PDB file of all heavy atoms in Angstrom:
ATOM      1  N   LYS A   1       0.828  -1.202   0.000  1.00  0.00           N
ATOM      2  CA  LYS A   1       0.006  -0.004  -0.002  1.00  0.00           C
ATOM      3  C   LYS A   1       0.855   1.258   0.000  1.00  0.00           C
ATOM      4  O   LYS A   1       0.611   2.216  -0.750  1.00  0.00           O
ATOM      5  CB  LYS A   1      -0.923  -0.007   1.210  1.00  0.00           C
ATOM      6  CG  LYS A   1      -2.037  -1.037   1.135  1.00  0.00           C
ATOM      7  CD  LYS A   1      -2.923  -0.977   2.374  1.00  0.00           C
ATOM      8  CE  LYS A   1      -4.034  -2.023   2.289  1.00  0.00           C
ATOM      9  NZ  LYS A   1      -4.885  -2.005   3.507  1.00  0.00           N
ATOM     10  N   LEU A   2       1.892   1.246   0.851  1.00  0.00           N
ATOM     11  CA  LEU A   2       2.781   2.405   0.911  1.00  0.00           C
ATOM     12  C   LEU A   2       3.531   2.585  -0.408  1.00  0.00           C
ATOM     13  O   LEU A   2       3.724   3.717  -0.876  1.00  0.00           O
ATOM     14  CB  LEU A   2       3.773   2.237   2.071  1.00  0.00           C
ATOM     15  CG  LEU A   2       3.184   2.260   3.478  1.00  0.00           C
ATOM     16  CD1 LEU A   2       4.258   1.974   4.516  1.00  0.00           C
ATOM     17  CD2 LEU A   2       2.533   3.617   3.758  1.00  0.00           C
ATOM     18  N   ARG A   3       3.961   1.463  -0.972  1.00  0.00           N
ATOM     19  CA  ARG A   3       4.665   1.545  -2.256  1.00  0.00           C
ATOM     20  C   ARG A   3       3.738   2.071  -3.346  1.00  0.00           C
ATOM     21  O   ARG A   3       4.122   2.891  -4.183  1.00  0.00           O
ATOM     22  CB  ARG A   3       5.210   0.169  -2.627  1.00  0.00           C
ATOM     23  CG  ARG A   3       6.163   0.186  -3.818  1.00  0.00           C
ATOM     24  CD  ARG A   3       6.645  -1.208  -4.170  1.00  0.00           C
ATOM     25  NE  ARG A   3       7.304  -1.839  -3.044  1.00  0.00           N
ATOM     26  CZ  ARG A   3       6.821  -2.904  -2.397  1.00  0.00           C
ATOM     27  NH1 ARG A   3       5.668  -3.441  -2.773  1.00  0.00           N
ATOM     28  NH2 ARG A   3       7.490  -3.430  -1.406  1.00  0.00           N
ATOM     29  N   SER A   4       2.487   1.596  -3.325  1.00  0.00           N
ATOM     30  CA  SER A   4       1.524   2.055  -4.315  1.00  0.00           C
ATOM     31  C   SER A   4       1.230   3.547  -4.134  1.00  0.00           C
ATOM     32  O   SER A   4       1.130   4.298  -5.116  1.00  0.00           O
ATOM     33  CB  SER A   4       0.235   1.241  -4.189  1.00  0.00           C
ATOM     34  OG  SER A   4      -0.741   1.720  -5.076  1.00  0.00           O
ATOM     35  N   GLN A   5       1.095   3.968  -2.839  1.00  0.00           N
ATOM     36  CA  GLN A   5       0.858   5.376  -2.581  1.00  0.00           C
ATOM     37  C   GLN A   5       2.040   6.236  -2.997  1.00  0.00           C
ATOM     38  O   GLN A   5       1.880   7.367  -3.489  1.00  0.00           O
ATOM     39  CB  GLN A   5       0.556   5.584  -1.105  1.00  0.00           C
ATOM     40  CG  GLN A   5      -0.766   4.981  -0.651  1.00  0.00           C
ATOM     41  CD  GLN A   5      -0.972   5.089   0.840  1.00  0.00           C
ATOM     42  OE1 GLN A   5      -0.117   5.615   1.556  1.00  0.00           O
ATOM     43  NE2 GLN A   5      -2.091   4.578   1.320  1.00  0.00           N
ATOM     44  N   ALA A   6       3.248   5.701  -2.803  1.00  0.00           N
ATOM     45  CA  ALA A   6       4.442   6.459  -3.171  1.00  0.00           C
ATOM     46  C   ALA A   6       4.617   6.564  -4.671  1.00  0.00           C
ATOM     47  O   ALA A   6       5.247   7.515  -5.164  1.00  0.00           O
ATOM     48  CB  ALA A   6       5.675   5.816  -2.545  1.00  0.00           C
ATOM     49  N   LEU A   7       4.052   5.596  -5.412  1.00  0.00           N
ATOM     50  CA  LEU A   7       4.255   5.564  -6.866  1.00  0.00           C
ATOM     51  C   LEU A   7       3.002   5.931  -7.636  1.00  0.00           C
ATOM     52  O   LEU A   7       3.001   5.843  -8.873  1.00  0.00           O
ATOM     53  CB  LEU A   7       4.734   4.174  -7.287  1.00  0.00           C
ATOM     54  CG  LEU A   7       6.065   3.711  -6.677  1.00  0.00           C
ATOM     55  CD1 LEU A   7       6.369   2.293  -7.107  1.00  0.00           C
ATOM     56  CD2 LEU A   7       7.192   4.645  -7.084  1.00  0.00           C
ATOM     57  N   SER A   8       1.937   6.324  -6.968  1.00  0.00           N
ATOM     58  CA  SER A   8       0.705   6.644  -7.676  1.00  0.00           C
ATOM     59  C   SER A   8       0.239   8.060  -7.351  1.00  0.00           C
ATOM     60  O   SER A   8       0.596   8.623  -6.312  1.00  0.00           O
ATOM     61  CB  SER A   8      -0.395   5.637  -7.319  1.00  0.00           C
ATOM     62  OG  SER A   8      -0.693   5.714  -5.936  1.00  0.00           O
ATOM     63  N   ASP A   9      -0.555   8.583  -8.250  1.00  0.00           N
ATOM     64  CA  ASP A   9      -1.120   9.917  -8.067  1.00  0.00           C
ATOM     65  C   ASP A   9      -2.347   9.825  -7.165  1.00  0.00           C
ATOM     66  O   ASP A   9      -3.264   9.018  -7.453  1.00  0.00           O
ATOM     67  CB  ASP A   9      -1.505  10.488  -9.425  1.00  0.00           C
ATOM     68  CG  ASP A   9      -2.174  11.843  -9.312  1.00  0.00           C
ATOM     69  OD1 ASP A   9      -1.532  12.774  -8.799  1.00  0.00           O
ATOM     70  OD2 ASP A   9      -3.362  11.926  -9.686  1.00  0.00           O
ATOM     71  N   PRO A  10      -2.426  10.586  -6.078  1.00  0.00           N
ATOM     72  CA  PRO A  10      -3.531  10.436  -5.124  1.00  0.00           C
ATOM     73  C   PRO A  10      -4.879  10.831  -5.711  1.00  0.00           C
ATOM     74  O   PRO A  10      -5.909  10.310  -5.278  1.00  0.00           O
ATOM     75  CB  PRO A  10      -3.134  11.363  -3.971  1.00  0.00           C
ATOM     76  CG  PRO A  10      -2.163  12.342  -4.552  1.00  0.00           C
ATOM     77  CD  PRO A  10      -1.440  11.600  -5.640  1.00  0.00           C
ATOM     78  N   LEU A  11      -4.929  11.738  -6.715  1.00  0.00           N
ATOM     79  CA  LEU A  11      -6.200  12.186  -7.264  1.00  0.00           C
ATOM     80  C   LEU A  11      -6.774  11.177  -8.254  1.00  0.00           C
ATOM     81  O   LEU A  11      -7.936  10.774  -8.152  1.00  0.00           O
ATOM     82  CB  LEU A  11      -6.037  13.542  -7.940  1.00  0.00           C
ATOM     83  CG  LEU A  11      -7.277  14.098  -8.648  1.00  0.00           C
ATOM     84  CD1 LEU A  11      -8.405  14.336  -7.637  1.00  0.00           C
ATOM     85  CD2 LEU A  11      -6.956  15.369  -9.406  1.00  0.00           C
ATOM     86  N   THR A  12      -5.951  10.743  -9.207  1.00  0.00           N
ATOM     87  CA  THR A  12      -6.454   9.912 -10.300  1.00  0.00           C
ATOM     88  C   THR A  12      -6.212   8.422 -10.087  1.00  0.00           C
ATOM     89  O   THR A  12      -6.859   7.603 -10.733  1.00  0.00           O
ATOM     90  CB  THR A  12      -5.770  10.335 -11.606  1.00  0.00           C
ATOM     91  OG1 THR A  12      -4.348  10.113 -11.481  1.00  0.00           O
ATOM     92  CG2 THR A  12      -6.023  11.806 -11.891  1.00  0.00           C
ATOM     93  N   GLY A  13      -5.261   8.068  -9.230  1.00  0.00           N
ATOM     94  CA  GLY A  13      -4.909   6.662  -9.066  1.00  0.00           C
ATOM     95  C   GLY A  13      -3.949   6.155 -10.113  1.00  0.00           C
ATOM     96  O   GLY A  13      -3.528   4.985 -10.068  1.00  0.00           O
ATOM     97  N   LEU A  14      -3.583   7.007 -11.097  1.00  0.00           N
ATOM     98  CA  LEU A  14      -2.572   6.636 -12.096  1.00  0.00           C
ATOM     99  C   LEU A  14      -1.185   6.697 -11.452  1.00  0.00           C
ATOM    100  O   LEU A  14      -0.983   7.342 -10.415  1.00  0.00           O
ATOM    101  CB  LEU A  14      -2.633   7.574 -13.292  1.00  0.00           C
ATOM    102  CG  LEU A  14      -3.946   7.605 -14.093  1.00  0.00           C
ATOM    103  CD1 LEU A  14      -3.827   8.641 -15.207  1.00  0.00           C
ATOM    104  CD2 LEU A  14      -4.269   6.226 -14.653  1.00  0.00           C
ATOM    105  N   TYR A  15      -0.225   6.050 -12.087  1.00  0.00           N
ATOM    106  CA  TYR A  15       1.154   6.120 -11.596  1.00  0.00           C
ATOM    107  C   TYR A  15       1.673   7.557 -11.754  1.00  0.00           C
ATOM    108  O   TYR A  15       1.273   8.285 -12.678  1.00  0.00           O
ATOM    109  CB  TYR A  15       2.054   5.153 -12.358  1.00  0.00           C
ATOM    110  CG  TYR A  15       1.752   3.705 -12.038  1.00  0.00           C
ATOM    111  CD1 TYR A  15       1.149   2.892 -12.977  1.00  0.00           C
ATOM    112  CD2 TYR A  15       2.079   3.171 -10.794  1.00  0.00           C
ATOM    113  CE1 TYR A  15       0.868   1.561 -12.688  1.00  0.00           C
ATOM    114  CE2 TYR A  15       1.800   1.850 -10.500  1.00  0.00           C
ATOM    115  CZ  TYR A  15       1.185   1.040 -11.448  1.00  0.00           C
ATOM    116  OH  TYR A  15       0.910  -0.254 -11.152  1.00  0.00           O
ATOM    117  N   ASN A  16       2.590   7.944 -10.839  1.00  0.00           N
ATOM    118  CA  ASN A  16       3.104   9.313 -10.860  1.00  0.00           C
ATOM    119  C   ASN A  16       4.364   9.419 -11.746  1.00  0.00           C
ATOM    120  O   ASN A  16       4.806   8.438 -12.352  1.00  0.00           O
ATOM    121  CB  ASN A  16       3.375   9.810  -9.439  1.00  0.00           C
ATOM    122  CG  ASN A  16       4.348   8.907  -8.708  1.00  0.00           C
ATOM    123  OD1 ASN A  16       5.097   8.134  -9.320  1.00  0.00           O
ATOM    124  ND2 ASN A  16       4.368   8.995  -7.385  1.00  0.00           N
ATOM    125  N   ARG A  17       4.930  10.648 -11.807  1.00  0.00           N
ATOM    126  CA  ARG A  17       6.093  10.893 -12.651  1.00  0.00           C
ATOM    127  C   ARG A  17       7.281  10.031 -12.252  1.00  0.00           C
ATOM    128  O   ARG A  17       8.032   9.546 -13.112  1.00  0.00           O
ATOM    129  CB  ARG A  17       6.468  12.371 -12.590  1.00  0.00           C
ATOM    130  CG  ARG A  17       7.711  12.727 -13.425  1.00  0.00           C
ATOM    131  CD  ARG A  17       8.013  14.199 -13.369  1.00  0.00           C
ATOM    132  NE  ARG A  17       7.044  14.985 -14.118  1.00  0.00           N
ATOM    133  CZ  ARG A  17       7.124  15.213 -15.428  1.00  0.00           C
ATOM    134  NH1 ARG A  17       8.124  14.727 -16.132  1.00  0.00           N
ATOM    135  NH2 ARG A  17       6.218  15.958 -16.020  1.00  0.00           N
ATOM    136  N   ARG A  18       7.465   9.811 -10.936  1.00  0.00           N
ATOM    137  CA  ARG A  18       8.600   8.999 -10.473  1.00  0.00           C
ATOM    138  C   ARG A  18       8.512   7.587 -11.044  1.00  0.00           C
ATOM    139  O   ARG A  18       9.499   7.049 -11.558  1.00  0.00           O
ATOM    140  CB  ARG A  18       8.611   8.970  -8.942  1.00  0.00           C
ATOM    141  CG  ARG A  18       9.689   8.090  -8.348  1.00  0.00           C
ATOM    142  CD  ARG A  18       9.548   8.070  -6.825  1.00  0.00           C
ATOM    143  NE  ARG A  18      10.495   7.157  -6.221  1.00  0.00           N
ATOM    144  CZ  ARG A  18      10.498   6.829  -4.924  1.00  0.00           C
ATOM    145  NH1 ARG A  18       9.600   7.382  -4.108  1.00  0.00           N
ATOM    146  NH2 ARG A  18      11.388   5.985  -4.451  1.00  0.00           N
ATOM    147  N   PHE A  19       7.329   6.999 -10.942  1.00  0.00           N
ATOM    148  CA  PHE A  19       7.159   5.650 -11.470  1.00  0.00           C
ATOM    149  C   PHE A  19       7.281   5.655 -13.003  1.00  0.00           C
ATOM    150  O   PHE A  19       7.813   4.708 -13.603  1.00  0.00           O
ATOM    151  CB  PHE A  19       5.788   5.103 -11.050  1.00  0.00           C
ATOM    152  CG  PHE A  19       5.568   3.657 -11.370  1.00  0.00           C
ATOM    153  CD1 PHE A  19       6.125   2.661 -10.580  1.00  0.00           C
ATOM    154  CD2 PHE A  19       4.810   3.281 -12.470  1.00  0.00           C
ATOM    155  CE1 PHE A  19       5.920   1.321 -10.875  1.00  0.00           C
ATOM    156  CE2 PHE A  19       4.613   1.948 -12.775  1.00  0.00           C
ATOM    157  CZ  PHE A  19       5.169   0.962 -11.977  1.00  0.00           C
ATOM    158  N   PHE A  20       6.779   6.731 -13.649  1.00  0.00           N
ATOM    159  CA  PHE A  20       6.887   6.860 -15.109  1.00  0.00           C
ATOM    160  C   PHE A  20       8.348   6.817 -15.548  1.00  0.00           C
ATOM    161  O   PHE A  20       8.711   6.084 -16.474  1.00  0.00           O
ATOM    162  CB  PHE A  20       6.218   8.178 -15.532  1.00  0.00           C
ATOM    163  CG  PHE A  20       6.523   8.587 -16.933  1.00  0.00           C
ATOM    164  CD1 PHE A  20       5.904   7.988 -18.012  1.00  0.00           C
ATOM    165  CD2 PHE A  20       7.464   9.596 -17.180  1.00  0.00           C
ATOM    166  CE1 PHE A  20       6.196   8.385 -19.309  1.00  0.00           C
ATOM    167  CE2 PHE A  20       7.754   9.994 -18.467  1.00  0.00           C
ATOM    168  CZ  PHE A  20       7.126   9.382 -19.540  1.00  0.00           C
ATOM    169  N   GLU A  21       9.178   7.579 -14.899  1.00  0.00           N
ATOM    170  CA  GLU A  21      10.599   7.617 -15.280  1.00  0.00           C
ATOM    171  C   GLU A  21      11.280   6.283 -15.009  1.00  0.00           C
ATOM    172  O   GLU A  21      12.112   5.823 -15.799  1.00  0.00           O
ATOM    173  CB  GLU A  21      11.296   8.731 -14.494  1.00  0.00           C
ATOM    174  CG  GLU A  21      10.807  10.127 -14.887  1.00  0.00           C
ATOM    175  CD  GLU A  21      11.390  11.207 -13.988  1.00  0.00           C
ATOM    176  OE1 GLU A  21      12.023  10.831 -12.970  1.00  0.00           O
ATOM    177  OE2 GLU A  21      11.219  12.401 -14.303  1.00  0.00           O
ATOM    178  N   GLN A  22      10.909   5.643 -13.868  1.00  0.00           N
ATOM    179  CA  GLN A  22      11.508   4.347 -13.512  1.00  0.00           C
ATOM    180  C   GLN A  22      11.139   3.281 -14.544  1.00  0.00           C
ATOM    181  O   GLN A  22      12.008   2.548 -15.047  1.00  0.00           O
ATOM    182  CB  GLN A  22      11.025   3.928 -12.118  1.00  0.00           C
ATOM    183  CG  GLN A  22      11.496   2.548 -11.675  1.00  0.00           C
ATOM    184  CD  GLN A  22      10.924   2.156 -10.317  1.00  0.00           C
ATOM    185  OE1 GLN A  22      10.564   3.024  -9.520  1.00  0.00           O
ATOM    186  NE2 GLN A  22      10.814   0.873 -10.068  1.00  0.00           N
ATOM    187  N   LYS A  23       9.852   3.167 -14.881  1.00  0.00           N
ATOM    188  CA  LYS A  23       9.404   2.144 -15.810  1.00  0.00           C
ATOM    189  C   LYS A  23       9.860   2.447 -17.242  1.00  0.00           C
ATOM    190  O   LYS A  23      10.163   1.521 -18.014  1.00  0.00           O
ATOM    191  CB  LYS A  23       7.886   2.035 -15.768  1.00  0.00           C
ATOM    192  CG  LYS A  23       7.374   1.343 -14.527  1.00  0.00           C
ATOM    193  CD  LYS A  23       7.922  -0.082 -14.442  1.00  0.00           C
ATOM    194  CE  LYS A  23       7.497  -0.813 -13.206  1.00  0.00           C
ATOM    195  NZ  LYS A  23       8.045  -2.192 -13.131  1.00  0.00           N
ATOM    196  N   LEU A  24       9.931   3.715 -17.586  1.00  0.00           N
ATOM    197  CA  LEU A  24      10.407   4.060 -18.923  1.00  0.00           C
ATOM    198  C   LEU A  24      11.858   3.635 -19.096  1.00  0.00           C
ATOM    199  O   LEU A  24      12.239   3.113 -20.161  1.00  0.00           O
ATOM    200  CB  LEU A  24      10.258   5.575 -19.145  1.00  0.00           C
ATOM    201  CG  LEU A  24      10.452   6.072 -20.576  1.00  0.00           C
ATOM    202  CD1 LEU A  24       9.427   5.419 -21.504  1.00  0.00           C
ATOM    203  CD2 LEU A  24      10.354   7.578 -20.646  1.00  0.00           C
ATOM    204  N   THR A  25      12.658   3.812 -18.039  1.00  0.00           N
ATOM    205  CA  THR A  25      14.058   3.368 -18.099  1.00  0.00           C
ATOM    206  C   THR A  25      14.138   1.846 -18.237  1.00  0.00           C
ATOM    207  O   THR A  25      14.916   1.319 -19.038  1.00  0.00           O
ATOM    208  CB  THR A  25      14.800   3.821 -16.827  1.00  0.00           C
ATOM    209  OG1 THR A  25      14.718   5.239 -16.708  1.00  0.00           O
ATOM    210  CG2 THR A  25      16.249   3.390 -16.881  1.00  0.00           C
ATOM    211  N   GLU A  26      13.321   1.132 -17.446  1.00  0.00           N
ATOM    212  CA  GLU A  26      13.337  -0.342 -17.500  1.00  0.00           C
ATOM    213  C   GLU A  26      12.942  -0.837 -18.888  1.00  0.00           C
ATOM    214  O   GLU A  26      13.608  -1.725 -19.464  1.00  0.00           O
ATOM    215  CB  GLU A  26      12.396  -0.918 -16.457  1.00  0.00           C
ATOM    216  CG  GLU A  26      12.847  -0.710 -15.013  1.00  0.00           C
ATOM    217  CD  GLU A  26      11.857  -1.283 -14.016  1.00  0.00           C
ATOM    218  OE1 GLU A  26      10.876  -1.930 -14.466  1.00  0.00           O
ATOM    219  OE2 GLU A  26      12.045  -1.083 -12.807  1.00  0.00           O
ATOM    220  N   HIS A  27      11.887  -0.300 -19.436  1.00  0.00           N
ATOM    221  CA  HIS A  27      11.393  -0.788 -20.725  1.00  0.00           C
ATOM    222  C   HIS A  27      12.326  -0.411 -21.873  1.00  0.00           C
ATOM    223  O   HIS A  27      12.488  -1.194 -22.832  1.00  0.00           O
ATOM    224  CB  HIS A  27       9.998  -0.223 -20.998  1.00  0.00           C
ATOM    225  CG  HIS A  27       8.929  -0.915 -20.192  1.00  0.00           C
ATOM    226  ND1 HIS A  27       8.669  -2.250 -20.296  1.00  0.00           N
ATOM    227  CD2 HIS A  27       8.053  -0.424 -19.270  1.00  0.00           C
ATOM    228  CE1 HIS A  27       7.675  -2.578 -19.483  1.00  0.00           C
ATOM    229  NE2 HIS A  27       7.286  -1.475 -18.832  1.00  0.00           N
ATOM    230  N   THR A  28      12.935   0.770 -21.817  1.00  0.00           N
ATOM    231  CA  THR A  28      13.894   1.118 -22.870  1.00  0.00           C
ATOM    232  C   THR A  28      15.112   0.205 -22.813  1.00  0.00           C
ATOM    233  O   THR A  28      15.664  -0.174 -23.855  1.00  0.00           O
ATOM    234  CB  THR A  28      14.333   2.588 -22.742  1.00  0.00           C
ATOM    235  OG1 THR A  28      14.770   2.846 -21.404  1.00  0.00           O
ATOM    236  CG2 THR A  28      13.188   3.528 -23.102  1.00  0.00           C
ATOM    237  N   ASN A  29      15.529  -0.160 -21.614  1.00  0.00           N
ATOM    238  CA  ASN A  29      16.655  -1.098 -21.479  1.00  0.00           C
ATOM    239  C   ASN A  29      16.280  -2.461 -22.066  1.00  0.00           C
ATOM    240  O   ASN A  29      17.082  -3.111 -22.744  1.00  0.00           O
ATOM    241  CB  ASN A  29      17.060  -1.243 -20.024  1.00  0.00           C
ATOM    242  CG  ASN A  29      17.725   0.001 -19.471  1.00  0.00           C
ATOM    243  OD1 ASN A  29      18.271   0.804 -20.238  1.00  0.00           O
ATOM    244  ND2 ASN A  29      17.679   0.181 -18.159  1.00  0.00           N
TER     245      ASN A  29
END
């Protein structure tokens, strides 16, 4: 729950910019 809260936007429930940058790096690799 804490990890989800840390990586998600509280208003929309979508992932936040931090998670976006992390996953974008993983997928490009």
